Protein backbone atom coordinates (compact mmCIF):
# COMPACT_ATOMS: atom_id res chain seq x y z
CA MET A 1 -12.33 -21.62 45.82
CA ASN A 2 -13.07 -24.96 47.43
CA ARG A 3 -11.70 -24.77 50.94
CA GLU A 4 -11.66 -27.82 53.16
CA THR A 5 -14.27 -27.46 55.91
CA TRP A 6 -13.93 -28.98 59.35
CA ILE A 7 -16.42 -29.55 62.12
CA THR A 8 -14.56 -28.10 65.10
CA GLY A 9 -17.41 -27.85 67.58
CA VAL A 10 -20.55 -29.80 68.44
CA GLY A 11 -23.31 -28.83 70.84
CA ILE A 12 -26.11 -31.37 71.22
CA LEU A 13 -28.95 -31.72 73.69
CA SER A 14 -31.71 -34.33 73.49
CA CYS A 15 -33.77 -36.75 75.52
CA LEU A 16 -30.55 -38.76 75.98
CA GLY A 17 -28.67 -35.95 77.72
CA GLU A 18 -26.18 -33.34 76.59
CA GLY A 19 -22.88 -33.52 74.74
CA PRO A 20 -21.25 -36.21 72.57
CA GLU A 21 -20.09 -38.40 75.45
CA ALA A 22 -23.55 -38.69 77.03
CA HIS A 23 -25.04 -39.51 73.64
CA TRP A 24 -22.34 -42.06 72.86
CA GLN A 25 -22.98 -43.85 76.14
CA ALA A 26 -26.75 -43.73 75.66
CA PHE A 27 -26.58 -45.11 72.11
CA ALA A 28 -24.13 -47.80 73.23
CA SER A 29 -26.50 -48.93 75.99
CA GLY A 30 -29.61 -48.86 73.78
CA LYS A 31 -31.30 -46.24 75.94
CA ILE A 32 -34.66 -44.86 74.77
CA ASN A 33 -36.35 -42.03 76.65
CA PHE A 34 -39.92 -41.35 75.57
CA ASP A 35 -43.15 -40.22 77.22
CA ALA A 36 -46.41 -41.94 76.30
CA ALA A 37 -48.40 -40.64 79.28
CA GLY A 38 -47.94 -36.87 79.28
CA TYR A 39 -49.75 -36.09 76.00
CA PRO A 40 -51.97 -39.09 75.29
CA PRO A 41 -52.39 -40.62 72.82
CA TYR A 42 -49.23 -39.01 71.39
CA ILE A 43 -45.65 -40.03 72.09
CA VAL A 44 -42.87 -37.48 72.61
CA HIS A 45 -39.19 -37.65 73.56
CA PRO A 46 -38.78 -34.99 76.29
CA LEU A 47 -35.57 -33.47 77.60
CA PRO A 48 -34.22 -34.59 80.97
CA PRO A 49 -33.75 -31.80 83.54
CA VAL A 50 -31.34 -29.17 82.20
CA ASN A 51 -29.42 -26.56 84.21
CA PHE A 52 -29.84 -23.72 81.74
CA ASP A 53 -27.78 -21.47 84.04
CA ALA A 54 -24.67 -23.23 82.75
CA GLN A 55 -24.99 -21.60 79.32
CA ILE A 56 -27.52 -18.80 79.97
CA PRO A 57 -26.33 -17.28 83.26
CA LYS A 58 -28.75 -14.34 83.42
CA LYS A 59 -32.21 -15.27 84.71
CA GLY A 60 -33.66 -12.27 82.89
CA ASP A 61 -32.43 -13.69 79.56
CA GLN A 62 -33.98 -17.05 80.36
CA ARG A 63 -37.33 -15.56 81.35
CA GLN A 64 -37.83 -13.76 78.05
CA MET A 65 -37.14 -16.92 76.03
CA GLU A 66 -39.63 -19.63 75.20
CA PRO A 67 -38.45 -23.22 75.89
CA TRP A 68 -37.35 -23.89 72.30
CA GLN A 69 -35.17 -20.78 72.42
CA ARG A 70 -33.57 -21.78 75.72
CA ILE A 71 -32.83 -25.21 74.25
CA GLY A 72 -31.20 -23.67 71.19
CA VAL A 73 -29.18 -21.04 73.05
CA TYR A 74 -27.96 -23.75 75.42
CA ALA A 75 -26.90 -26.06 72.57
CA ALA A 76 -25.19 -23.17 70.78
CA GLY A 77 -23.17 -22.47 73.92
CA LEU A 78 -22.13 -26.11 74.09
CA ALA A 79 -20.92 -25.91 70.47
CA LEU A 80 -18.91 -22.76 71.13
CA ASP A 81 -17.34 -24.41 74.18
CA SER A 82 -16.56 -27.51 72.14
CA ALA A 83 -14.83 -25.42 69.47
CA GLY A 84 -12.83 -23.47 72.03
CA VAL A 85 -14.18 -20.07 70.98
CA LYS A 86 -16.54 -19.30 73.88
CA GLY A 87 -15.79 -15.79 75.09
CA ASN A 88 -13.31 -15.06 72.28
CA ALA A 89 -14.65 -11.66 71.23
CA ASP A 90 -12.46 -11.41 68.13
CA ILE A 91 -13.71 -14.68 66.63
CA LEU A 92 -17.30 -14.35 67.85
CA GLY A 93 -17.50 -10.85 66.41
CA ARG A 94 -16.94 -12.19 62.91
CA MET A 95 -18.53 -15.62 63.33
CA ASP A 96 -21.48 -16.11 60.99
CA MET A 97 -24.67 -17.81 62.14
CA ILE A 98 -27.33 -19.78 60.27
CA VAL A 99 -30.32 -21.07 62.21
CA ALA A 100 -33.13 -23.43 61.15
CA ALA A 101 -36.25 -22.63 63.15
CA GLY A 102 -39.98 -23.12 63.27
CA GLY A 103 -42.48 -20.62 64.60
CA GLY A 104 -42.70 -19.66 68.24
CA GLU A 105 -45.15 -21.10 70.72
CA ARG A 106 -48.83 -20.14 70.55
CA ASP A 107 -51.58 -19.03 72.91
CA LEU A 108 -53.32 -22.34 73.61
CA ALA A 109 -56.34 -20.72 75.24
CA VAL A 110 -57.05 -18.65 72.12
CA ASP A 111 -56.52 -21.65 69.84
CA GLY A 112 -58.92 -23.66 71.98
CA ARG A 113 -61.64 -21.01 71.83
CA ILE A 114 -61.31 -20.71 68.06
CA LEU A 115 -61.42 -24.46 67.48
CA SER A 116 -64.42 -24.82 69.79
CA GLY A 117 -66.25 -21.87 68.28
CA LEU A 118 -65.78 -22.51 64.57
CA PRO A 119 -68.36 -25.34 64.34
CA LYS A 120 -70.92 -23.02 65.99
CA ALA A 121 -70.13 -19.94 63.89
CA GLY A 122 -73.00 -20.50 61.48
CA ALA A 123 -73.76 -22.17 58.19
CA LYS A 124 -73.94 -19.10 55.94
CA VAL A 125 -71.15 -18.31 53.51
CA GLY A 126 -68.49 -16.16 55.16
CA GLU A 127 -69.60 -16.68 58.75
CA HIS A 128 -66.64 -18.91 59.59
CA ASP A 129 -64.22 -16.34 58.14
CA ARG A 130 -65.93 -13.52 60.02
CA PHE A 131 -65.75 -15.44 63.31
CA LEU A 132 -62.07 -16.22 62.77
CA ASN A 133 -61.17 -12.61 61.96
CA GLU A 134 -63.06 -11.31 65.00
CA ARG A 135 -61.32 -13.72 67.32
CA LEU A 136 -57.86 -13.02 65.91
CA MET A 137 -58.38 -9.24 66.18
CA SER A 138 -59.76 -9.28 69.71
CA ASP A 139 -58.13 -12.28 71.42
CA LEU A 140 -54.50 -12.22 70.29
CA ARG A 141 -52.04 -10.16 72.31
CA PRO A 142 -49.71 -7.98 70.15
CA THR A 143 -46.72 -9.29 72.08
CA LEU A 144 -47.58 -12.86 71.14
CA PHE A 145 -46.72 -12.23 67.50
CA LEU A 146 -43.31 -10.90 68.52
CA ALA A 147 -42.71 -14.00 70.65
CA GLN A 148 -43.45 -16.20 67.65
CA LEU A 149 -40.74 -14.72 65.43
CA SER A 150 -38.44 -17.51 64.25
CA ASN A 151 -35.34 -15.29 64.20
CA LEU A 152 -35.53 -14.75 67.97
CA LEU A 153 -33.30 -17.81 68.45
CA ALA A 154 -30.49 -16.20 66.46
CA GLY A 155 -31.07 -12.93 68.29
CA ASN A 156 -30.83 -14.58 71.69
CA ILE A 157 -27.66 -16.44 70.70
CA SER A 158 -26.15 -13.09 69.72
CA ILE A 159 -27.20 -11.52 73.02
CA VAL A 160 -26.09 -14.35 75.29
CA HIS A 161 -22.98 -15.63 73.50
CA GLY A 162 -21.86 -12.58 71.49
CA VAL A 163 -22.01 -14.17 68.03
CA THR A 164 -22.33 -11.00 65.95
CA GLY A 165 -21.26 -11.76 62.38
CA SER A 166 -23.88 -12.18 59.67
CA SER A 167 -27.10 -13.95 60.67
CA ARG A 168 -29.63 -15.94 58.65
CA THR A 169 -32.73 -17.81 59.80
CA PHE A 170 -34.44 -20.40 57.60
CA MET A 171 -37.96 -21.75 58.01
CA GLY A 172 -39.34 -24.79 56.20
CA GLU A 173 -39.24 -27.81 58.52
CA GLU A 174 -36.63 -30.48 57.63
CA SER A 175 -35.60 -28.67 54.43
CA ALA A 176 -34.63 -25.62 56.48
CA GLY A 177 -32.23 -27.75 58.49
CA VAL A 178 -30.60 -29.19 55.37
CA ASP A 179 -30.32 -25.80 53.69
CA ALA A 180 -28.81 -24.17 56.78
CA VAL A 181 -25.89 -26.62 56.78
CA ARG A 182 -25.59 -26.64 52.99
CA ILE A 183 -25.29 -22.87 52.74
CA ALA A 184 -22.91 -22.66 55.71
CA LEU A 185 -20.64 -25.15 53.96
CA ALA A 186 -20.91 -23.38 50.60
CA ARG A 187 -19.99 -20.00 52.12
CA ILE A 188 -16.92 -21.39 53.84
CA ARG A 189 -15.79 -23.24 50.73
CA ALA A 190 -16.21 -20.08 48.64
CA GLY A 191 -14.19 -17.93 51.04
CA GLN A 192 -17.23 -15.89 52.11
CA SER A 193 -16.95 -17.10 55.72
CA ASP A 194 -14.16 -18.48 57.88
CA ILE A 195 -16.23 -19.86 60.75
CA THR A 196 -19.98 -20.42 61.13
CA LEU A 197 -22.34 -21.53 63.87
CA VAL A 198 -25.21 -23.53 62.33
CA GLY A 199 -28.09 -25.53 63.79
CA GLY A 200 -31.51 -25.27 65.37
CA ALA A 201 -33.80 -26.32 68.21
CA GLN A 202 -37.14 -28.02 68.85
CA ASN A 203 -39.38 -28.29 71.88
CA SER A 204 -41.48 -31.44 71.49
CA GLU A 205 -43.73 -30.73 74.47
CA ARG A 206 -45.98 -28.28 72.65
CA LYS A 207 -49.64 -29.18 72.46
CA GLU A 208 -50.29 -26.93 69.48
CA MET A 209 -47.52 -28.64 67.47
CA LEU A 210 -48.94 -32.05 68.28
CA MET A 211 -52.32 -30.74 67.14
CA LEU A 212 -50.95 -29.42 63.85
CA TYR A 213 -49.08 -32.62 63.04
CA GLU A 214 -52.13 -34.67 63.97
CA PHE A 215 -54.18 -32.64 61.50
CA GLY A 216 -51.73 -33.76 58.82
CA GLY A 217 -51.80 -37.40 59.98
CA PHE A 218 -48.10 -37.37 60.97
CA ALA A 219 -48.10 -37.76 64.77
CA LEU A 220 -47.18 -41.14 66.25
CA LYS A 221 -49.76 -42.29 68.76
CA GLY A 222 -50.56 -45.40 70.69
CA ALA A 223 -47.70 -47.80 71.27
CA PHE A 224 -44.06 -46.87 70.70
CA THR A 225 -42.30 -48.75 67.89
CA PRO A 226 -38.89 -48.27 66.22
CA VAL A 227 -38.82 -46.03 63.16
CA TRP A 228 -38.52 -48.84 60.62
CA ASP A 229 -41.45 -50.75 62.15
CA ARG A 230 -44.15 -48.10 61.78
CA ALA A 231 -45.69 -49.10 58.45
CA ALA A 232 -48.88 -50.32 60.12
CA HIS A 233 -49.12 -47.24 62.37
CA PRO A 234 -47.05 -44.50 60.69
CA GLY A 235 -46.00 -41.27 62.32
CA PHE A 236 -43.16 -39.56 64.10
CA ALA A 237 -42.62 -38.93 67.79
CA LEU A 238 -41.43 -35.36 68.23
CA GLY A 239 -38.12 -35.10 70.05
CA SER A 240 -36.96 -32.10 72.05
CA MET A 241 -33.45 -31.27 70.91
CA GLY A 242 -30.93 -28.58 70.26
CA ALA A 243 -28.11 -29.19 67.79
CA PHE A 244 -25.41 -26.75 66.69
CA LEU A 245 -22.21 -27.24 64.75
CA VAL A 246 -19.19 -24.99 64.41
CA LEU A 247 -18.03 -25.26 60.80
CA GLU A 248 -14.64 -23.80 60.03
CA ALA A 249 -12.22 -23.46 57.14
CA SER A 250 -9.33 -25.82 57.86
CA GLU A 251 -6.67 -23.09 57.54
CA HIS A 252 -8.59 -20.86 59.96
CA ALA A 253 -8.80 -23.71 62.46
CA ARG A 254 -5.09 -24.45 62.09
CA SER A 255 -4.23 -20.79 62.63
CA ARG A 256 -5.79 -20.89 66.10
CA GLY A 257 -4.60 -24.41 66.95
CA ALA A 258 -8.04 -26.03 66.78
CA LYS A 259 -8.37 -29.73 66.04
CA PRO A 260 -11.12 -31.14 63.83
CA LEU A 261 -13.76 -33.55 65.00
CA ALA A 262 -14.50 -34.46 61.38
CA ARG A 263 -14.57 -33.09 57.84
CA LEU A 264 -17.84 -32.02 56.25
CA ALA A 265 -17.14 -33.08 52.68
CA ALA A 266 -20.50 -32.41 51.00
CA VAL A 267 -24.13 -31.42 51.53
CA VAL A 268 -26.63 -31.85 48.68
CA ASN A 269 -30.37 -31.36 48.62
CA ALA A 270 -33.48 -31.54 46.43
CA ARG A 271 -37.23 -31.28 46.61
CA SER A 272 -39.04 -34.05 44.78
CA ASN A 273 -42.69 -33.86 43.77
CA ARG A 274 -43.46 -36.69 46.20
CA GLU A 275 -45.27 -38.81 43.66
CA PRO A 276 -44.90 -42.57 44.36
CA GLY A 277 -41.23 -43.51 44.04
CA ALA A 278 -40.02 -39.90 43.80
CA VAL A 279 -38.12 -39.92 47.10
CA THR A 280 -36.25 -43.10 46.19
CA ALA A 281 -35.34 -41.74 42.76
CA THR A 282 -34.22 -38.40 44.18
CA LEU A 283 -31.99 -40.03 46.78
CA HIS A 284 -30.31 -42.07 44.04
CA LYS A 285 -29.61 -38.85 42.10
CA LEU A 286 -28.28 -37.06 45.16
CA TRP A 287 -26.06 -40.01 46.11
CA ALA A 288 -24.46 -39.92 42.65
CA THR A 289 -23.36 -36.32 43.26
CA LEU A 290 -21.47 -37.12 46.48
CA PRO A 291 -17.71 -37.65 46.55
CA PRO A 292 -16.77 -41.37 46.42
CA VAL A 293 -18.49 -43.39 49.14
CA ARG A 294 -16.44 -46.30 50.44
CA PRO A 295 -17.83 -49.78 51.22
CA ASP A 296 -17.07 -49.35 54.94
CA CYS A 297 -19.21 -46.19 55.10
CA ALA A 298 -22.20 -46.01 57.44
CA VAL A 299 -25.54 -44.23 57.00
CA ILE A 300 -26.93 -42.07 59.80
CA SER A 301 -30.56 -41.85 58.75
CA GLY A 302 -32.99 -39.09 59.60
CA ALA A 303 -35.98 -41.34 58.84
CA CYS A 304 -38.84 -40.32 61.08
CA GLY A 305 -41.53 -42.98 60.60
CA ALA A 306 -43.91 -40.92 58.45
CA PHE A 307 -45.06 -42.86 55.42
CA PRO A 308 -44.57 -43.07 52.50
CA ALA A 309 -41.38 -41.00 53.01
CA THR A 310 -39.73 -43.48 55.36
CA ALA A 311 -40.70 -46.49 53.25
CA GLU A 312 -39.20 -44.87 50.16
CA GLU A 313 -35.98 -44.03 52.00
CA ARG A 314 -35.83 -47.65 53.14
CA ALA A 315 -36.22 -48.80 49.53
CA PHE A 316 -33.27 -46.61 48.58
CA LEU A 317 -31.12 -47.86 51.45
CA ASP A 318 -31.89 -51.46 50.53
CA THR A 319 -29.96 -50.87 47.29
CA HIS A 320 -26.92 -50.20 49.48
CA ALA A 321 -27.37 -53.25 51.65
CA GLU A 322 -23.61 -53.49 52.28
CA LEU A 323 -23.72 -50.33 54.42
CA ALA A 324 -24.59 -50.23 58.11
CA VAL A 325 -27.61 -47.97 58.76
CA ARG A 326 -28.71 -46.26 61.97
CA ALA A 327 -32.09 -44.51 62.20
CA THR A 328 -31.45 -42.28 65.19
CA GLY A 329 -35.11 -41.22 65.41
CA THR A 330 -35.84 -44.45 67.26
CA ARG A 331 -33.66 -43.20 70.14
CA ILE A 332 -34.09 -39.42 70.11
CA GLY A 333 -37.37 -38.83 68.28
CA HIS A 334 -37.79 -36.48 65.34
CA GLY A 335 -36.45 -32.95 65.72
CA VAL A 336 -37.73 -31.58 62.38
CA GLU A 337 -35.58 -28.42 61.83
CA PRO A 338 -32.52 -29.40 63.95
CA HIS A 339 -32.62 -33.09 63.08
CA PHE A 340 -30.16 -32.89 60.15
CA ALA A 341 -27.60 -30.97 62.22
CA MET A 342 -28.09 -33.43 65.09
CA ASN A 343 -27.34 -36.39 62.84
CA ILE A 344 -24.28 -34.68 61.37
CA ALA A 345 -23.08 -34.17 64.94
CA LEU A 346 -23.67 -37.87 65.70
CA ALA A 347 -21.86 -38.83 62.49
CA ALA A 348 -18.91 -36.62 63.46
CA MET A 349 -18.91 -38.25 66.89
CA ALA A 350 -18.74 -41.70 65.29
CA VAL A 351 -16.03 -41.05 62.69
CA GLU A 352 -13.90 -39.25 65.29
CA ARG A 353 -14.02 -42.42 67.37
CA ARG A 354 -13.60 -44.60 64.24
CA ALA A 355 -16.57 -46.66 65.44
CA LEU A 356 -20.31 -46.85 64.89
CA PHE A 357 -22.74 -47.14 67.77
CA PRO A 358 -24.88 -50.33 67.98
CA PRO A 359 -28.06 -50.82 65.92
CA CYS A 360 -31.05 -48.73 66.96
CA ASP A 361 -33.44 -51.61 66.23
CA ALA A 362 -33.37 -55.26 65.21
CA GLY A 363 -33.48 -54.53 61.47
CA GLU A 364 -30.13 -52.71 61.36
CA ARG A 365 -26.89 -54.54 60.56
CA ALA A 366 -23.70 -54.38 62.61
CA ALA A 367 -20.84 -52.19 61.38
CA ARG A 368 -17.70 -53.58 59.76
CA GLY A 369 -14.25 -52.39 60.87
CA ALA A 370 -13.08 -48.86 61.62
CA LEU A 371 -15.48 -46.12 60.58
CA THR A 372 -13.99 -43.21 58.66
CA GLN A 373 -16.96 -42.06 56.59
CA ALA A 374 -20.68 -41.56 57.16
CA VAL A 375 -23.55 -40.36 54.99
CA VAL A 376 -26.33 -38.48 56.77
CA THR A 377 -29.79 -38.62 55.20
CA GLY A 378 -32.58 -36.13 55.72
CA VAL A 379 -35.96 -36.94 54.18
CA GLY A 380 -38.73 -34.58 55.21
CA HIS A 381 -42.02 -36.00 56.44
CA TRP A 382 -43.79 -33.84 53.86
CA ARG A 383 -41.17 -32.47 51.43
CA GLY A 384 -37.44 -32.05 50.92
CA GLU A 385 -34.53 -34.45 50.75
CA GLY A 386 -30.85 -34.04 51.63
CA LEU A 387 -27.58 -35.90 52.10
CA ALA A 388 -24.33 -34.97 53.85
CA LEU A 389 -20.98 -36.72 53.74
CA VAL A 390 -18.91 -36.66 56.95
CA GLU A 391 -15.37 -37.98 56.99
CA ALA A 392 -12.61 -38.56 59.50
CA VAL A 393 -9.60 -36.24 59.34
CA GLU A 394 -6.36 -38.20 59.47
């Protein structure tokens, strides 16, 4: 089987606000919301104030969630509302769910004590390991491990919104986000699922995440610059975001009178060895496997500013110079796991309106004519590449 798959619901939350309309207005106005003072020298894109009661009415549910879970459950509720299935027990009871998630939030006090104590643990072989084991056994609370489970987001969506079909949670940074959408699409096409909720969430205001990405040399610090202008000072600015899509077989959507926002025509992925030039070569190979891409297509890029990944994606895009490109990370930061779903949502928003939002920085060309097709790119800061093709439904 190869069933046509529609995007019938979108739930997005970022530093620019919530929902497609708020994002459309923010992108049209060139709005950028980032914080360079809260976590110096690092730059993050925080959420504006959110009334979580609107999608998570029980305070008890909110209290037992960490911020990234509240963000995700909220965005999932927006997607269900958008698709017109919120509260529909029959559909929700058989709706599948695929979530891309990182680990939960950590005990900063314990991390701080370990990092401060390791240099003083001693010079003899094994003393560092002994110190680390002692601290982990005595300092960590058993409940902390439970709070770090990545599948808690899916569990909380089930509890709050009643989505109780099959559930899958993928970990693996940007690749997890690509695979979540790819497998959701494949299952619907194959007749294994009629309707699926897919997406993820990220809380950028986490000191331990900034620390981990700094250890890898990936965190943007100092002055803010657009994504394409970070060659001299590479790095990404984490963006708080939740992004969920409702993907649905077209005949299932028609049977309940739902209208499509867009068609998800293809999702392809790979994992190159990341030798010099490997990302560019892999993107060329993936592009060749997509259905025909028209000259009036646009590219919604997930480029984050980490080099050499972003430079190699730019080299690939330069071979398609006729296409308008938008690197949304300049406006909303980098969401890691949910970033691919977020950009698919933004692509659906654009093709539904038959228009592309203005350039995100000076190096991006203006669009030509009505927009009916968009390619979404997802190049991981460390590994993994993916493309999605989003099309208007006539």
